[in-house]
């Protein structure tokens, strides 16, 4: 699998994330939040010197994993047919992690109120971006709505991804509204849960319908 310009851009974003943290290390909080409750409040911290680099390290790990997945995808579920959209999804992931690191810097500068708004808008950006890309993915074991029924039927697969794509776009809009109007994280959690469960459940009925209409079925 050849290295593309997007691969280079994604690798550069990982380096930039490390660079931002290194350059602004002194203004970051002594205790860096690394985990949050459902209500959006932090409940787990990592102290300096390691805390500020949790985000960049996670970005680097994700880069390695996401680069490896197309290479280990089994025969019959190869990812070669949608590597372009897949790489654009990687770009969204690394941009989101870069934005996350910037929010930690804002926290260190005292812009606490701005952090939640930034995070919500980052989530919104990511959900809308992912929702636009998801219908372009073909059957695979790693990305998309993967159920026993989507993985055995192309038609069921594409319908599930299309539904999930629309629901993710709704998630993105919900997240942006939550950030703009201070609605909290609850609407986002509900929207994310719906975008996961609804396409998965409906994929079973799509599969049943496809089998019933197949030639030779009873």
C-alpha atoms as a PDB file:
ATOM      1  CA  UNK A   1       0.000   0.000   0.000  1.00  0.00           C
ATOM      2  CA  UNK A   2       1.616   3.234  -1.170  1.00  0.00           C
ATOM      3  CA  UNK A   3       2.068   6.299   0.999  1.00  0.00           C
ATOM      4  CA  UNK A   4      -0.216   9.161  -0.074  1.00  0.00           C
ATOM      5  CA  UNK A   5      -0.232  12.900   0.594  1.00  0.00           C
ATOM      6  CA  UNK A   6      -2.972  12.407   3.176  1.00  0.00           C
ATOM      7  CA  UNK A   7      -0.794   9.873   5.012  1.00  0.00           C
ATOM      8  CA  UNK A   8       1.939  12.509   5.178  1.00  0.00           C
ATOM      9  CA  UNK A   9      -0.537  15.159   6.355  1.00  0.00           C
ATOM     10  CA  UNK A  10      -1.844  12.837   9.078  1.00  0.00           C
ATOM     11  CA  UNK A  11       1.687  12.068  10.246  1.00  0.00           C
ATOM     12  CA  UNK A  12       2.475  15.797  10.229  1.00  0.00           C
ATOM     13  CA  UNK A  13      -0.575  16.491  12.410  1.00  0.00           C
ATOM     14  CA  UNK A  14       0.744  14.041  15.002  1.00  0.00           C
ATOM     15  CA  UNK A  15       4.071  15.893  14.994  1.00  0.00           C
ATOM     16  CA  UNK A  16       2.281  19.263  15.228  1.00  0.00           C
ATOM     17  CA  UNK A  17       0.283  17.995  18.227  1.00  0.00           C
ATOM     18  CA  UNK A  18       3.516  17.119  20.028  1.00  0.00           C
ATOM     19  CA  UNK A  19       4.976  20.487  18.997  1.00  0.00           C
ATOM     20  CA  UNK A  20       2.009  22.485  20.315  1.00  0.00           C
ATOM     21  CA  UNK A  21       2.198  20.745  23.680  1.00  0.00           C
ATOM     22  CA  UNK A  22       5.973  21.167  23.911  1.00  0.00           C
ATOM     23  CA  UNK A  23       5.822  24.856  22.985  1.00  0.00           C
ATOM     24  CA  UNK A  24       3.027  25.679  25.425  1.00  0.00           C
ATOM     25  CA  UNK A  25       3.919  23.179  28.140  1.00  0.00           C
ATOM     26  CA  UNK A  26       4.509  25.874  30.768  1.00  0.00           C
ATOM     27  CA  UNK A  27       0.986  27.324  30.524  1.00  0.00           C
ATOM     28  CA  UNK A  28      -0.774  23.970  30.745  1.00  0.00           C
ATOM     29  CA  UNK A  29      -2.318  22.962  34.079  1.00  0.00           C
ATOM     30  CA  UNK A  30      -0.274  20.947  36.552  1.00  0.00           C
ATOM     31  CA  UNK A  31      -2.966  18.256  36.588  1.00  0.00           C
ATOM     32  CA  UNK A  32      -4.142  17.440  33.064  1.00  0.00           C
ATOM     33  CA  UNK A  33      -7.632  15.895  32.681  1.00  0.00           C
ATOM     34  CA  UNK A  34      -7.659  12.662  30.692  1.00  0.00           C
ATOM     35  CA  UNK A  35     -11.161  11.306  31.410  1.00  0.00           C
ATOM     36  CA  UNK A  36     -14.585  12.908  31.779  1.00  0.00           C
ATOM     37  CA  UNK A  37     -17.950  11.973  33.292  1.00  0.00           C
ATOM     38  CA  UNK A  38     -21.145  11.977  31.276  1.00  0.00           C
ATOM     39  CA  UNK A  39     -21.912  15.481  32.556  1.00  0.00           C
ATOM     40  CA  UNK A  40     -18.661  16.724  31.031  1.00  0.00           C
ATOM     41  CA  UNK A  41     -16.699  17.175  34.277  1.00  0.00           C
ATOM     42  CA  UNK A  42     -13.228  15.655  34.543  1.00  0.00           C
ATOM     43  CA  UNK A  43     -12.806  12.746  36.936  1.00  0.00           C
ATOM     44  CA  UNK A  44      -9.291  11.538  36.154  1.00  0.00           C
ATOM     45  CA  UNK A  45      -6.037  13.468  35.842  1.00  0.00           C
ATOM     46  CA  UNK A  46      -2.394  12.840  34.995  1.00  0.00           C
ATOM     47  CA  UNK A  47       0.210  15.181  36.460  1.00  0.00           C
ATOM     48  CA  UNK A  48       3.084  16.810  34.659  1.00  0.00           C
ATOM     49  CA  UNK A  49       5.453  15.953  33.079  1.00  0.00           C
ATOM     50  CA  UNK A  50       3.452  13.124  31.457  1.00  0.00           C
ATOM     51  CA  UNK A  51      -0.068  14.559  31.549  1.00  0.00           C
ATOM     52  CA  UNK A  52       0.283  17.101  28.716  1.00  0.00           C
ATOM     53  CA  UNK A  53       1.603  14.405  26.402  1.00  0.00           C
ATOM     54  CA  UNK A  54      -1.266  11.949  26.879  1.00  0.00           C
ATOM     55  CA  UNK A  55      -3.161  13.505  23.964  1.00  0.00           C
ATOM     56  CA  UNK A  56      -0.208  13.546  21.532  1.00  0.00           C
ATOM     57  CA  UNK A  57       0.777  10.010  22.554  1.00  0.00           C
ATOM     58  CA  UNK A  58      -2.772   8.805  21.920  1.00  0.00           C
ATOM     59  CA  UNK A  59      -2.720  10.555  18.530  1.00  0.00           C
ATOM     60  CA  UNK A  60       0.537   8.793  17.627  1.00  0.00           C
ATOM     61  CA  UNK A  61      -0.825   5.410  18.741  1.00  0.00           C
ATOM     62  CA  UNK A  62      -4.003   5.927  16.718  1.00  0.00           C
ATOM     63  CA  UNK A  63      -1.948   6.863  13.669  1.00  0.00           C
ATOM     64  CA  UNK A  64      -0.062   3.571  13.896  1.00  0.00           C
ATOM     65  CA  UNK A  65      -3.227   1.526  14.435  1.00  0.00           C
ATOM     66  CA  UNK A  66      -5.187   3.239  11.654  1.00  0.00           C
ATOM     67  CA  UNK A  67      -2.294   2.792   9.248  1.00  0.00           C
ATOM     68  CA  UNK A  68      -2.097  -0.903  10.118  1.00  0.00           C
ATOM     69  CA  UNK A  69      -5.789  -1.782   9.711  1.00  0.00           C
ATOM     70  CA  UNK A  70      -5.906  -1.776   5.870  1.00  0.00           C
ATOM     71  CA  UNK A  71      -2.806  -3.968   5.817  1.00  0.00           C
ATOM     72  CA  UNK A  72      -4.256  -6.641   8.096  1.00  0.00           C
ATOM     73  CA  UNK A  73      -7.816  -6.640   6.752  1.00  0.00           C
ATOM     74  CA  UNK A  74      -8.668 -10.215   5.659  1.00  0.00           C
ATOM     75  CA  UNK A  75      -9.448 -11.373   2.131  1.00  0.00           C
ATOM     76  CA  UNK A  76     -13.011 -10.590   1.136  1.00  0.00           C
ATOM     77  CA  UNK A  77     -13.075  -7.581   3.458  1.00  0.00           C
ATOM     78  CA  UNK A  78     -10.178  -5.603   2.028  1.00  0.00           C
ATOM     79  CA  UNK A  79     -10.214  -1.833   2.477  1.00  0.00           C
ATOM     80  CA  UNK A  80      -8.504  -0.965  -0.805  1.00  0.00           C
ATOM     81  CA  UNK A  81     -11.752   0.208  -2.398  1.00  0.00           C
ATOM     82  CA  UNK A  82     -12.312   3.073   0.042  1.00  0.00           C
ATOM     83  CA  UNK A  83      -8.832   4.068   1.211  1.00  0.00           C
ATOM     84  CA  UNK A  84      -9.464   7.671   0.153  1.00  0.00           C
ATOM     85  CA  UNK A  85     -12.460   8.221   2.478  1.00  0.00           C
ATOM     86  CA  UNK A  86     -10.697   6.178   5.160  1.00  0.00           C
ATOM     87  CA  UNK A  87      -7.693   8.513   5.096  1.00  0.00           C
ATOM     88  CA  UNK A  88      -9.987  11.552   5.257  1.00  0.00           C
ATOM     89  CA  UNK A  89     -11.559  10.015   8.365  1.00  0.00           C
ATOM     90  CA  UNK A  90      -8.081   9.672   9.854  1.00  0.00           C
ATOM     91  CA  UNK A  91      -7.527  13.358   9.146  1.00  0.00           C
ATOM     92  CA  UNK A  92     -10.680  14.221  11.107  1.00  0.00           C
ATOM     93  CA  UNK A  93      -9.473  12.106  14.038  1.00  0.00           C
ATOM     94  CA  UNK A  94      -6.077  13.806  14.203  1.00  0.00           C
ATOM     95  CA  UNK A  95      -7.557  17.291  13.814  1.00  0.00           C
ATOM     96  CA  UNK A  96      -9.934  16.536  16.685  1.00  0.00           C
ATOM     97  CA  UNK A  97      -7.058  15.369  18.897  1.00  0.00           C
ATOM     98  CA  UNK A  98      -5.061  18.490  18.017  1.00  0.00           C
ATOM     99  CA  UNK A  99      -8.059  20.616  19.009  1.00  0.00           C
ATOM    100  CA  UNK A 100      -8.289  18.647  22.262  1.00  0.00           C
ATOM    101  CA  UNK A 101      -4.684  19.510  23.107  1.00  0.00           C
ATOM    102  CA  UNK A 102      -5.370  23.174  22.343  1.00  0.00           C
ATOM    103  CA  UNK A 103      -8.305  23.137  24.787  1.00  0.00           C
ATOM    104  CA  UNK A 104      -5.925  21.970  27.510  1.00  0.00           C
ATOM    105  CA  UNK A 105      -3.745  24.985  26.754  1.00  0.00           C
ATOM    106  CA  UNK A 106      -6.826  27.232  26.999  1.00  0.00           C
ATOM    107  CA  UNK A 107      -7.571  25.680  30.376  1.00  0.00           C
ATOM    108  CA  UNK A 108      -4.087  26.535  31.550  1.00  0.00           C
ATOM    109  CA  UNK A 109      -4.633  30.145  30.420  1.00  0.00           C
ATOM    110  CA  UNK A 110      -7.846  30.335  32.462  1.00  0.00           C
ATOM    111  CA  UNK A 111     -10.416  30.054  29.661  1.00  0.00           C
ATOM    112  CA  UNK A 112     -12.408  27.385  31.471  1.00  0.00           C
ATOM    113  CA  UNK A 113     -15.778  28.413  30.076  1.00  0.00           C
ATOM    114  CA  UNK A 114     -14.444  28.320  26.526  1.00  0.00           C
ATOM    115  CA  UNK A 115     -13.262  24.729  26.860  1.00  0.00           C
ATOM    116  CA  UNK A 116     -16.696  23.095  26.896  1.00  0.00           C
ATOM    117  CA  UNK A 117     -17.800  25.133  23.897  1.00  0.00           C
ATOM    118  CA  UNK A 118     -14.674  24.240  21.941  1.00  0.00           C
ATOM    119  CA  UNK A 119     -15.010  20.544  22.793  1.00  0.00           C
ATOM    120  CA  UNK A 120     -18.666  20.478  21.727  1.00  0.00           C
ATOM    121  CA  UNK A 121     -17.843  22.149  18.412  1.00  0.00           C
ATOM    122  CA  UNK A 122     -14.943  19.731  17.854  1.00  0.00           C
ATOM    123  CA  UNK A 123     -17.310  16.807  18.444  1.00  0.00           C
ATOM    124  CA  UNK A 124     -19.791  18.378  16.057  1.00  0.00           C
ATOM    125  CA  UNK A 125     -17.161  18.830  13.365  1.00  0.00           C
ATOM    126  CA  UNK A 126     -16.021  15.240  13.745  1.00  0.00           C
ATOM    127  CA  UNK A 127     -19.525  13.742  13.687  1.00  0.00           C
ATOM    128  CA  UNK A 128     -20.547  15.683  10.576  1.00  0.00           C
ATOM    129  CA  UNK A 129     -17.293  14.787   8.809  1.00  0.00           C
ATOM    130  CA  UNK A 130     -17.585  11.100   9.737  1.00  0.00           C
ATOM    131  CA  UNK A 131     -21.259  11.021   8.774  1.00  0.00           C
ATOM    132  CA  UNK A 132     -20.416  12.302   5.302  1.00  0.00           C
ATOM    133  CA  UNK A 133     -17.696   9.670   4.827  1.00  0.00           C
ATOM    134  CA  UNK A 134     -19.387   6.610   6.320  1.00  0.00           C
ATOM    135  CA  UNK A 135     -21.662   5.751   3.343  1.00  0.00           C
ATOM    136  CA  UNK A 136     -18.540   5.545   1.156  1.00  0.00           C
ATOM    137  CA  UNK A 137     -17.085   2.653   3.163  1.00  0.00           C
ATOM    138  CA  UNK A 138     -17.370  -0.902   1.874  1.00  0.00           C
ATOM    139  CA  UNK A 139     -17.803  -4.037   3.979  1.00  0.00           C
ATOM    140  CA  UNK A 140     -14.936  -4.459   6.432  1.00  0.00           C
ATOM    141  CA  UNK A 141     -14.290  -5.575   9.992  1.00  0.00           C
ATOM    142  CA  UNK A 142     -12.964  -2.297  11.395  1.00  0.00           C
ATOM    143  CA  UNK A 143     -14.938   0.801  10.363  1.00  0.00           C
ATOM    144  CA  UNK A 144     -18.684   1.373  10.069  1.00  0.00           C
ATOM    145  CA  UNK A 145     -21.824  -0.316  11.366  1.00  0.00           C
ATOM    146  CA  UNK A 146     -20.623  -3.901  11.736  1.00  0.00           C
ATOM    147  CA  UNK A 147     -23.272  -6.449  12.680  1.00  0.00           C
ATOM    148  CA  UNK A 148     -23.682 -10.127  11.718  1.00  0.00           C
ATOM    149  CA  UNK A 149     -26.148  -8.963   9.057  1.00  0.00           C
ATOM    150  CA  UNK A 150     -24.235  -6.061   7.507  1.00  0.00           C
ATOM    151  CA  UNK A 151     -21.092  -8.160   7.167  1.00  0.00           C
ATOM    152  CA  UNK A 152     -22.751 -10.796   4.967  1.00  0.00           C
ATOM    153  CA  UNK A 153     -24.778  -8.619   2.590  1.00  0.00           C
ATOM    154  CA  UNK A 154     -23.619  -5.566   0.623  1.00  0.00           C
ATOM    155  CA  UNK A 155     -27.124  -4.107   0.376  1.00  0.00           C
ATOM    156  CA  UNK A 156     -27.704  -4.380   4.117  1.00  0.00           C
ATOM    157  CA  UNK A 157     -24.254  -2.905   4.732  1.00  0.00           C
ATOM    158  CA  UNK A 158     -24.796   0.190   2.576  1.00  0.00           C
ATOM    159  CA  UNK A 159     -28.246   0.897   3.997  1.00  0.00           C
ATOM    160  CA  UNK A 160     -26.851   0.736   7.531  1.00  0.00           C
ATOM    161  CA  UNK A 161     -23.959   3.071   6.716  1.00  0.00           C
ATOM    162  CA  UNK A 162     -26.290   5.528   5.006  1.00  0.00           C
ATOM    163  CA  UNK A 163     -28.582   5.649   8.040  1.00  0.00           C
ATOM    164  CA  UNK A 164     -25.641   5.973  10.401  1.00  0.00           C
ATOM    165  CA  UNK A 165     -24.187   8.747   8.259  1.00  0.00           C
ATOM    166  CA  UNK A 166     -27.368  10.818   8.510  1.00  0.00           C
ATOM    167  CA  UNK A 167     -27.612  10.191  12.244  1.00  0.00           C
ATOM    168  CA  UNK A 168     -23.980  11.185  12.762  1.00  0.00           C
ATOM    169  CA  UNK A 169     -24.679  14.441  10.929  1.00  0.00           C
ATOM    170  CA  UNK A 170     -27.579  15.017  13.337  1.00  0.00           C
ATOM    171  CA  UNK A 171     -25.143  14.269  16.187  1.00  0.00           C
ATOM    172  CA  UNK A 172     -22.837  16.949  14.846  1.00  0.00           C
ATOM    173  CA  UNK A 173     -25.574  19.551  14.667  1.00  0.00           C
ATOM    174  CA  UNK A 174     -26.759  18.567  18.164  1.00  0.00           C
ATOM    175  CA  UNK A 175     -23.233  18.933  19.528  1.00  0.00           C
ATOM    176  CA  UNK A 176     -22.781  22.376  17.986  1.00  0.00           C
ATOM    177  CA  UNK A 177     -26.138  23.533  19.389  1.00  0.00           C
ATOM    178  CA  UNK A 178     -25.220  22.139  22.809  1.00  0.00           C
ATOM    179  CA  UNK A 179     -21.990  24.127  22.723  1.00  0.00           C
ATOM    180  CA  UNK A 180     -23.660  27.313  21.502  1.00  0.00           C
ATOM    181  CA  UNK A 181     -26.553  27.287  23.973  1.00  0.00           C
ATOM    182  CA  UNK A 182     -25.008  25.475  26.949  1.00  0.00           C
ATOM    183  CA  UNK A 183     -27.332  22.474  26.720  1.00  0.00           C
ATOM    184  CA  UNK A 184     -24.845  20.103  28.332  1.00  0.00           C
ATOM    185  CA  UNK A 185     -23.678  16.724  27.164  1.00  0.00           C
ATOM    186  CA  UNK A 186     -26.926  14.767  27.664  1.00  0.00           C
ATOM    187  CA  UNK A 187     -28.404  15.521  24.191  1.00  0.00           C
ATOM    188  CA  UNK A 188     -25.129  14.421  22.593  1.00  0.00           C
ATOM    189  CA  UNK A 189     -25.076  11.146  24.528  1.00  0.00           C
ATOM    190  CA  UNK A 190     -28.652  10.412  23.446  1.00  0.00           C
ATOM    191  CA  UNK A 191     -27.853  11.242  19.813  1.00  0.00           C
ATOM    192  CA  UNK A 192     -24.717   9.061  19.818  1.00  0.00           C
ATOM    193  CA  UNK A 193     -26.626   6.157  21.358  1.00  0.00           C
ATOM    194  CA  UNK A 194     -29.331   6.494  18.691  1.00  0.00           C
ATOM    195  CA  UNK A 195     -26.801   6.621  15.849  1.00  0.00           C
ATOM    196  CA  UNK A 196     -25.259   3.365  17.047  1.00  0.00           C
ATOM    197  CA  UNK A 197     -28.336   1.363  17.986  1.00  0.00           C
ATOM    198  CA  UNK A 198     -30.850   2.365  15.311  1.00  0.00           C
ATOM    199  CA  UNK A 199     -28.763   1.343  12.258  1.00  0.00           C
ATOM    200  CA  UNK A 200     -27.638  -1.837  14.035  1.00  0.00           C
ATOM    201  CA  UNK A 201     -31.196  -2.910  14.896  1.00  0.00           C
ATOM    202  CA  UNK A 202     -32.602  -2.005  11.482  1.00  0.00           C
ATOM    203  CA  UNK A 203     -29.823  -3.982   9.773  1.00  0.00           C
ATOM    204  CA  UNK A 204     -31.439  -7.167  11.107  1.00  0.00           C
ATOM    205  CA  UNK A 205     -34.770  -6.290   9.493  1.00  0.00           C
ATOM    206  CA  UNK A 206     -33.021  -5.295   6.262  1.00  0.00           C
ATOM    207  CA  UNK A 207     -31.331  -8.688   6.257  1.00  0.00           C
ATOM    208  CA  UNK A 208     -34.609 -10.520   6.844  1.00  0.00           C
ATOM    209  CA  UNK A 209     -36.232  -8.538   4.031  1.00  0.00           C
ATOM    210  CA  UNK A 210     -33.320  -9.266   1.658  1.00  0.00           C
ATOM    211  CA  UNK A 211     -33.450 -13.004   2.407  1.00  0.00           C
ATOM    212  CA  UNK A 212     -37.225 -13.095   1.934  1.00  0.00           C
ATOM    213  CA  UNK A 213     -36.918 -11.451  -1.475  1.00  0.00           C
ATOM    214  CA  UNK A 214     -33.944 -13.551  -2.603  1.00  0.00           C
ATOM    215  CA  UNK A 215     -34.543 -15.988  -5.503  1.00  0.00           C
ATOM    216  CA  UNK A 216     -35.427 -19.473  -4.240  1.00  0.00           C
ATOM    217  CA  UNK A 217     -36.518 -18.276  -0.803  1.00  0.00           C
ATOM    218  CA  UNK A 218     -39.639 -19.777   0.665  1.00  0.00           C
END
